């Protein structure tokens, strides 16, 4: 059994925030893989289902971002899971919009949700880092992550979420490379090459040579 956790803040006010892309990811996984409706549990919302051959619990903590670890820790203890059984989907400032990377263990890089999870379960869990880009200056970060995605983000965001859902069974099976490939195929699909133009014919049809004879010479030649 595995625990897939999406990070975000609860409520309609935050639903489209950049900070909530983790919630969006697990919602898309649930939708595309036929999970039952989420229900209240573990200070959050959970849905149980299967991804390929793996049983997976999807969790969206309702504790607000900076206390996400309370919900994750409670779910882990209930199901007797180890940190290695946990995968956390979260927004990543240090990746360009549309980029997705998987990381096992490591620091929290100042992310309040990860900081809280570190405090409750340690750092050995797996993270799916969902790039949202950086506003450019540190003092702008809070307003940036708590602001809704713009209309210009709609296409790449949908592609990324669809790719995450496509690759979720591979992620559950431990194949991070296939998961990343599934995301890449949605976010940057291979372009269909235009058909090659036919090569010019090597031998062109011979054109009639221009008759350089004078009119008088042509007349004389007719009666030879």
Protein backbone atom coordinates (compact mmCIF):
# COMPACT_ATOMS: atom_id res chain seq x y z
CA UNK A 1 0.00 0.00 0.00
CA UNK A 2 1.16 3.53 -0.78
CA UNK A 3 0.12 7.01 0.26
CA UNK A 4 0.00 9.71 -2.43
CA UNK A 5 -0.30 13.15 -0.84
CA UNK A 6 -1.24 16.33 -2.67
CA UNK A 7 -0.33 19.59 -0.94
CA UNK A 8 -2.51 22.69 -0.96
CA UNK A 9 -4.85 24.81 1.10
CA UNK A 10 -8.51 23.81 1.58
CA UNK A 11 -11.46 25.85 0.38
CA UNK A 12 -12.67 27.52 -2.81
CA UNK A 13 -10.59 30.65 -2.18
CA UNK A 14 -7.38 28.71 -2.77
CA UNK A 15 -8.59 26.13 -5.28
CA UNK A 16 -6.83 27.60 -8.34
CA UNK A 17 -3.74 28.94 -6.52
CA UNK A 18 -0.31 27.92 -7.75
CA UNK A 19 0.31 26.58 -4.24
CA UNK A 20 -2.53 24.09 -4.80
CA UNK A 21 -1.11 22.25 -7.80
CA UNK A 22 -0.54 19.24 -5.52
CA UNK A 23 -4.26 19.05 -4.79
CA UNK A 24 -4.93 19.37 -8.52
CA UNK A 25 -2.58 16.47 -9.27
CA UNK A 26 -4.22 13.97 -6.91
CA UNK A 27 -7.68 15.14 -8.03
CA UNK A 28 -6.74 14.34 -11.63
CA UNK A 29 -5.32 10.95 -10.64
CA UNK A 30 -8.55 10.14 -8.80
CA UNK A 31 -10.68 11.25 -11.74
CA UNK A 32 -8.72 9.48 -14.48
CA UNK A 33 -8.34 6.21 -12.58
CA UNK A 34 -11.88 5.84 -11.27
CA UNK A 35 -11.27 6.40 -7.56
CA UNK A 36 -14.41 6.84 -5.40
CA UNK A 37 -15.27 10.31 -4.08
CA UNK A 38 -12.98 11.78 -1.44
CA UNK A 39 -14.21 11.54 2.15
CA UNK A 40 -13.14 13.27 5.36
CA UNK A 41 -10.44 11.42 7.30
CA UNK A 42 -7.00 12.02 8.87
CA UNK A 43 -7.59 15.79 9.13
CA UNK A 44 -8.03 15.85 5.39
CA UNK A 45 -9.77 14.11 2.52
CA UNK A 46 -8.95 10.61 1.29
CA UNK A 47 -9.86 8.35 -1.62
CA UNK A 48 -8.78 4.71 -1.91
CA UNK A 49 -8.22 2.86 -5.15
CA UNK A 50 -5.71 1.01 -7.32
CA UNK A 51 -3.04 2.21 -9.69
CA UNK A 52 -1.98 -0.76 -11.76
CA UNK A 53 -1.28 -3.54 -9.27
CA UNK A 54 -0.80 -1.22 -6.29
CA UNK A 55 -3.35 -0.15 -3.71
CA UNK A 56 -3.01 3.61 -3.22
CA UNK A 57 -4.51 6.06 -0.73
CA UNK A 58 -4.87 9.60 -2.07
CA UNK A 59 -4.72 12.25 0.65
CA UNK A 60 -5.37 16.00 0.59
CA UNK A 61 -4.56 17.47 4.03
CA UNK A 62 -7.14 20.01 5.20
CA UNK A 63 -4.83 21.45 7.86
CA UNK A 64 -3.57 24.28 5.62
CA UNK A 65 -0.15 24.04 4.06
CA UNK A 66 2.07 24.73 7.05
CA UNK A 67 0.55 21.87 9.11
CA UNK A 68 0.33 19.26 6.37
CA UNK A 69 2.55 16.88 8.33
CA UNK A 70 -0.15 16.36 10.97
CA UNK A 71 -2.47 14.81 8.42
CA UNK A 72 0.25 12.81 6.66
CA UNK A 73 1.59 11.44 9.96
CA UNK A 74 -1.86 10.36 11.11
CA UNK A 75 -2.55 8.51 7.86
CA UNK A 76 0.87 6.83 7.96
CA UNK A 77 0.36 5.56 11.48
CA UNK A 78 -3.12 4.26 10.72
CA UNK A 79 -1.94 2.23 7.71
CA UNK A 80 1.41 1.32 9.34
CA UNK A 81 3.38 2.78 6.46
CA UNK A 82 7.04 3.78 6.28
CA UNK A 83 8.17 7.17 4.92
CA UNK A 84 9.37 5.37 1.78
CA UNK A 85 5.72 4.44 1.08
CA UNK A 86 4.75 8.12 0.87
CA UNK A 87 4.82 10.28 -2.28
CA UNK A 88 4.12 14.01 -1.95
CA UNK A 89 3.00 16.15 -4.93
CA UNK A 90 3.86 19.83 -4.44
CA UNK A 91 4.53 23.13 -6.19
CA UNK A 92 8.18 23.86 -7.00
CA UNK A 93 9.46 27.41 -7.46
CA UNK A 94 12.85 26.26 -8.72
CA UNK A 95 11.43 24.51 -11.78
CA UNK A 96 10.02 26.26 -14.84
CA UNK A 97 6.26 26.00 -15.39
CA UNK A 98 5.43 22.61 -16.88
CA UNK A 99 8.59 20.87 -15.68
CA UNK A 100 8.19 17.86 -13.38
CA UNK A 101 10.91 16.08 -11.43
CA UNK A 102 10.89 13.19 -8.94
CA UNK A 103 13.15 13.25 -5.89
CA UNK A 104 13.68 10.81 -3.02
CA UNK A 105 14.60 12.36 0.32
CA UNK A 106 16.54 15.59 0.80
CA UNK A 107 15.74 18.98 2.26
CA UNK A 108 12.51 20.96 2.17
CA UNK A 109 14.02 24.08 0.49
CA UNK A 110 11.84 26.36 2.59
CA UNK A 111 8.54 24.90 1.39
CA UNK A 112 6.19 25.15 4.38
CA UNK A 113 4.26 21.99 3.53
CA UNK A 114 7.41 19.93 3.19
CA UNK A 115 8.87 21.50 6.31
CA UNK A 116 5.85 20.29 8.29
CA UNK A 117 6.04 16.78 6.77
CA UNK A 118 9.75 16.62 7.61
CA UNK A 119 8.91 17.41 11.23
CA UNK A 120 6.34 14.61 11.45
CA UNK A 121 7.76 11.75 9.37
CA UNK A 122 11.35 12.66 8.49
CA UNK A 123 12.78 13.28 5.03
CA UNK A 124 12.89 9.81 3.43
CA UNK A 125 9.61 10.20 1.51
CA UNK A 126 9.43 10.71 -2.27
CA UNK A 127 8.44 14.05 -3.79
CA UNK A 128 6.98 14.90 -7.18
CA UNK A 129 8.10 18.48 -7.81
CA UNK A 130 5.63 20.31 -10.06
CA UNK A 131 7.24 23.38 -11.55
CA UNK A 132 5.39 26.70 -11.30
CA UNK A 133 8.33 29.05 -11.95
CA UNK A 134 9.69 31.82 -9.72
CA UNK A 135 8.45 35.43 -9.58
CA UNK A 136 12.05 36.66 -9.62
CA UNK A 137 12.40 38.15 -6.15
CA UNK A 138 12.10 36.49 -2.75
CA UNK A 139 9.69 39.10 -1.38
CA UNK A 140 7.23 38.31 -4.18
CA UNK A 141 7.05 34.58 -3.51
CA UNK A 142 4.18 34.57 -1.00
CA UNK A 143 1.85 36.58 -3.22
CA UNK A 144 2.89 34.59 -6.27
CA UNK A 145 2.15 31.11 -4.88
CA UNK A 146 -1.14 32.29 -3.33
CA UNK A 147 -2.30 33.75 -6.62
CA UNK A 148 -4.38 31.85 -9.16
CA UNK A 149 -2.85 30.40 -12.29
CA UNK A 150 -3.40 32.75 -15.21
CA UNK A 151 -5.28 32.02 -18.43
CA UNK A 152 -1.94 31.69 -20.21
CA UNK A 153 -1.11 28.77 -17.91
CA UNK A 154 -4.19 26.74 -18.74
CA UNK A 155 -2.76 24.63 -21.58
CA UNK A 156 0.52 23.59 -20.00
CA UNK A 157 -1.15 23.03 -16.62
CA UNK A 158 -3.72 20.68 -18.09
CA UNK A 159 -1.02 18.82 -20.03
CA UNK A 160 1.07 18.34 -16.88
CA UNK A 161 -1.86 17.12 -14.79
CA UNK A 162 -2.93 14.69 -17.51
CA UNK A 163 0.65 13.45 -17.77
CA UNK A 164 0.88 12.95 -14.00
CA UNK A 165 -2.32 10.90 -14.09
CA UNK A 166 -1.11 8.89 -17.10
CA UNK A 167 2.12 8.01 -15.32
CA UNK A 168 0.68 7.45 -11.85
CA UNK A 169 0.59 3.62 -12.17
CA UNK A 170 4.28 3.65 -13.15
CA UNK A 171 5.08 5.86 -10.17
CA UNK A 172 3.22 3.48 -7.86
CA UNK A 173 5.19 0.59 -9.37
CA UNK A 174 8.44 2.39 -8.60
CA UNK A 175 9.34 3.18 -12.21
CA UNK A 176 10.17 6.86 -12.00
CA UNK A 177 11.64 6.96 -15.51
CA UNK A 178 8.41 5.73 -17.13
CA UNK A 179 6.45 8.19 -15.00
CA UNK A 180 8.58 11.07 -16.22
CA UNK A 181 8.23 9.86 -19.81
CA UNK A 182 4.44 9.84 -19.46
CA UNK A 183 4.50 13.44 -18.26
CA UNK A 184 6.89 14.47 -21.02
CA UNK A 185 4.68 12.94 -23.70
CA UNK A 186 1.81 15.15 -22.55
CA UNK A 187 3.80 18.29 -21.79
CA UNK A 188 6.07 18.12 -24.84
CA UNK A 189 4.55 15.69 -27.35
CA UNK A 190 6.71 14.59 -30.26
CA UNK A 191 5.91 16.64 -33.30
CA UNK A 192 4.78 14.82 -36.41
CA UNK A 193 7.32 15.43 -39.11
CA UNK A 194 6.10 16.95 -42.35
CA UNK A 195 6.33 14.52 -45.29
CA UNK A 196 9.58 14.89 -47.16
CA UNK A 197 9.36 16.75 -50.45
CA UNK A 198 10.00 14.53 -53.46
CA UNK A 199 13.52 14.83 -54.78
CA UNK A 200 13.77 16.67 -58.07
CA UNK A 201 13.98 14.32 -61.07
CA UNK A 202 17.56 13.58 -62.01
CA UNK A 203 16.81 13.73 -65.70
CA UNK A 204 14.51 16.46 -66.96
CA UNK A 205 12.66 15.97 -70.18
CA UNK A 206 14.80 17.32 -73.01
CA UNK A 207 13.62 20.65 -74.34
CA UNK A 208 13.65 21.21 -78.12
CA UNK A 209 16.67 23.18 -79.24
CA UNK A 210 16.05 26.62 -80.66
CA UNK A 211 16.29 26.72 -84.48
CA UNK A 212 18.96 29.30 -85.25
CA UNK A 213 18.56 29.16 -89.10
CA UNK A 214 17.56 32.26 -90.98
CA UNK A 215 14.20 32.29 -92.80
CA UNK A 216 15.99 32.06 -96.17
CA UNK A 217 18.05 29.07 -95.04
CA UNK A 218 14.91 27.34 -93.76
CA UNK A 219 13.26 27.84 -97.18
CA UNK A 220 16.30 26.50 -99.04
CA UNK A 221 16.49 23.49 -96.75
CA UNK A 222 12.85 22.60 -97.46
CA UNK A 223 13.63 22.02 -101.14
CA UNK A 224 16.83 20.08 -100.76
